[in-house]
């Protein structure tokens, strides 16, 4: 009878140590995941900044094409014709470009 109690006790102690080892491994894995997530967060922020600057540049280019009396869709299709732009439209376009780029044209 004593042998059975000893074996059961040893099995339970072994199970407890095994569970502790599993918890330590999970804690280690979780710490590594947190580090990886922080790295991904930084990459996503950098990508968002780059996307915003690319978008702003495209918007400015579209406005500059409007300034000479054309538009991006026409240029893409191969139509390079231009039309005169009124003074009021020209000032409005220049103001929009200034808002986007921070530079006066």
Protein backbone atom coordinates (compact mmCIF):
# COMPACT_ATOMS: atom_id res chain seq x y z
CA UNK A 1 0.00 0.00 0.00
CA UNK A 2 2.86 2.38 0.83
CA UNK A 3 4.37 1.76 -2.62
CA UNK A 4 1.17 2.79 -4.35
CA UNK A 5 0.99 6.04 -2.35
CA UNK A 6 4.67 6.73 -3.11
CA UNK A 7 4.18 6.14 -6.85
CA UNK A 8 1.05 8.33 -6.92
CA UNK A 9 2.89 11.06 -5.01
CA UNK A 10 5.86 10.90 -7.41
CA UNK A 11 3.55 11.03 -10.41
CA UNK A 12 1.75 14.07 -8.99
CA UNK A 13 5.03 15.85 -8.19
CA UNK A 14 6.29 15.09 -11.71
CA UNK A 15 3.04 16.41 -13.17
CA UNK A 16 3.35 19.63 -11.13
CA UNK A 17 6.93 20.21 -12.35
CA UNK A 18 5.88 19.46 -15.92
CA UNK A 19 3.07 22.03 -15.63
CA UNK A 20 5.51 24.62 -14.23
CA UNK A 21 7.86 23.95 -17.15
CA UNK A 22 4.98 24.43 -19.62
CA UNK A 23 4.04 27.74 -17.95
CA UNK A 24 7.64 28.97 -18.16
CA UNK A 25 7.78 28.04 -21.85
CA UNK A 26 4.50 29.84 -22.52
CA UNK A 27 5.75 32.89 -20.65
CA UNK A 28 8.95 32.87 -22.72
CA UNK A 29 6.96 32.49 -25.96
CA UNK A 30 4.63 35.30 -24.95
CA UNK A 31 7.58 37.62 -24.27
CA UNK A 32 8.98 36.83 -27.73
CA UNK A 33 5.59 37.52 -29.32
CA UNK A 34 5.38 40.88 -27.55
CA UNK A 35 8.81 41.82 -28.93
CA UNK A 36 7.78 40.77 -32.43
CA UNK A 37 4.53 42.73 -32.18
CA UNK A 38 6.42 45.85 -31.13
CA UNK A 39 8.64 45.46 -34.19
CA UNK A 40 5.63 45.00 -36.46
CA UNK A 41 3.97 48.05 -34.95
CA UNK A 42 7.01 50.14 -35.79
CA UNK A 43 7.07 48.78 -39.35
CA UNK A 44 3.36 49.51 -39.82
CA UNK A 45 3.82 53.07 -38.56
CA UNK A 46 6.71 53.61 -40.98
CA UNK A 47 4.64 52.19 -43.84
CA UNK A 48 1.74 54.50 -42.96
CA UNK A 49 4.05 57.53 -42.96
CA UNK A 50 5.52 56.49 -46.31
CA UNK A 51 2.05 55.89 -47.76
CA UNK A 52 0.89 59.32 -46.61
CA UNK A 53 3.88 61.07 -48.18
CA UNK A 54 3.37 59.16 -51.45
CA UNK A 55 -0.32 60.04 -51.43
CA UNK A 56 0.49 63.71 -50.80
CA UNK A 57 3.01 63.73 -53.66
CA UNK A 58 0.44 62.20 -56.01
CA UNK A 59 -2.16 64.78 -54.97
CA UNK A 60 0.33 67.60 -55.57
CA UNK A 61 1.21 66.19 -59.00
CA UNK A 62 -2.46 66.00 -59.94
CA UNK A 63 -2.94 69.63 -58.89
CA UNK A 64 0.13 70.77 -60.83
CA UNK A 65 -1.29 69.10 -63.93
CA UNK A 66 -4.54 70.98 -63.32
CA UNK A 67 -2.46 74.16 -63.05
CA UNK A 68 -1.33 73.77 -66.66
CA UNK A 69 -4.85 72.86 -67.80
CA UNK A 70 -4.70 69.08 -67.97
CA UNK A 71 -5.48 66.21 -65.64
CA UNK A 72 -3.90 62.91 -64.71
CA UNK A 73 -6.49 60.72 -66.44
CA UNK A 74 -5.93 62.50 -69.75
CA UNK A 75 -2.16 62.16 -69.45
CA UNK A 76 -2.46 58.45 -68.62
CA UNK A 77 -4.55 57.95 -71.75
CA UNK A 78 -1.90 59.75 -73.81
CA UNK A 79 -3.73 63.05 -74.25
CA UNK A 80 -1.18 65.77 -73.54
CA UNK A 81 -3.37 68.68 -74.58
CA UNK A 82 -3.73 71.62 -72.21
CA UNK A 83 -6.39 74.26 -71.74
CA UNK A 84 -6.01 77.72 -70.26
CA UNK A 85 -6.82 78.01 -66.56
CA UNK A 86 -8.52 81.09 -65.11
CA UNK A 87 -6.64 83.25 -62.62
CA UNK A 88 -9.05 82.29 -59.83
CA UNK A 89 -8.58 78.55 -60.48
CA UNK A 90 -4.82 79.06 -60.64
CA UNK A 91 -4.75 80.75 -57.21
CA UNK A 92 -6.98 78.04 -55.77
CA UNK A 93 -4.76 75.26 -57.14
CA UNK A 94 -1.61 76.98 -55.87
CA UNK A 95 -3.19 77.30 -52.42
CA UNK A 96 -4.06 73.58 -52.41
CA UNK A 97 -0.52 72.63 -53.45
CA UNK A 98 0.84 74.87 -50.69
CA UNK A 99 -1.40 73.10 -48.14
CA UNK A 100 -0.23 69.66 -49.27
CA UNK A 101 3.49 70.26 -49.80
CA UNK A 102 4.16 73.27 -47.62
CA UNK A 103 5.97 74.85 -50.56
CA UNK A 104 4.86 77.64 -52.83
CA UNK A 105 4.93 77.10 -56.59
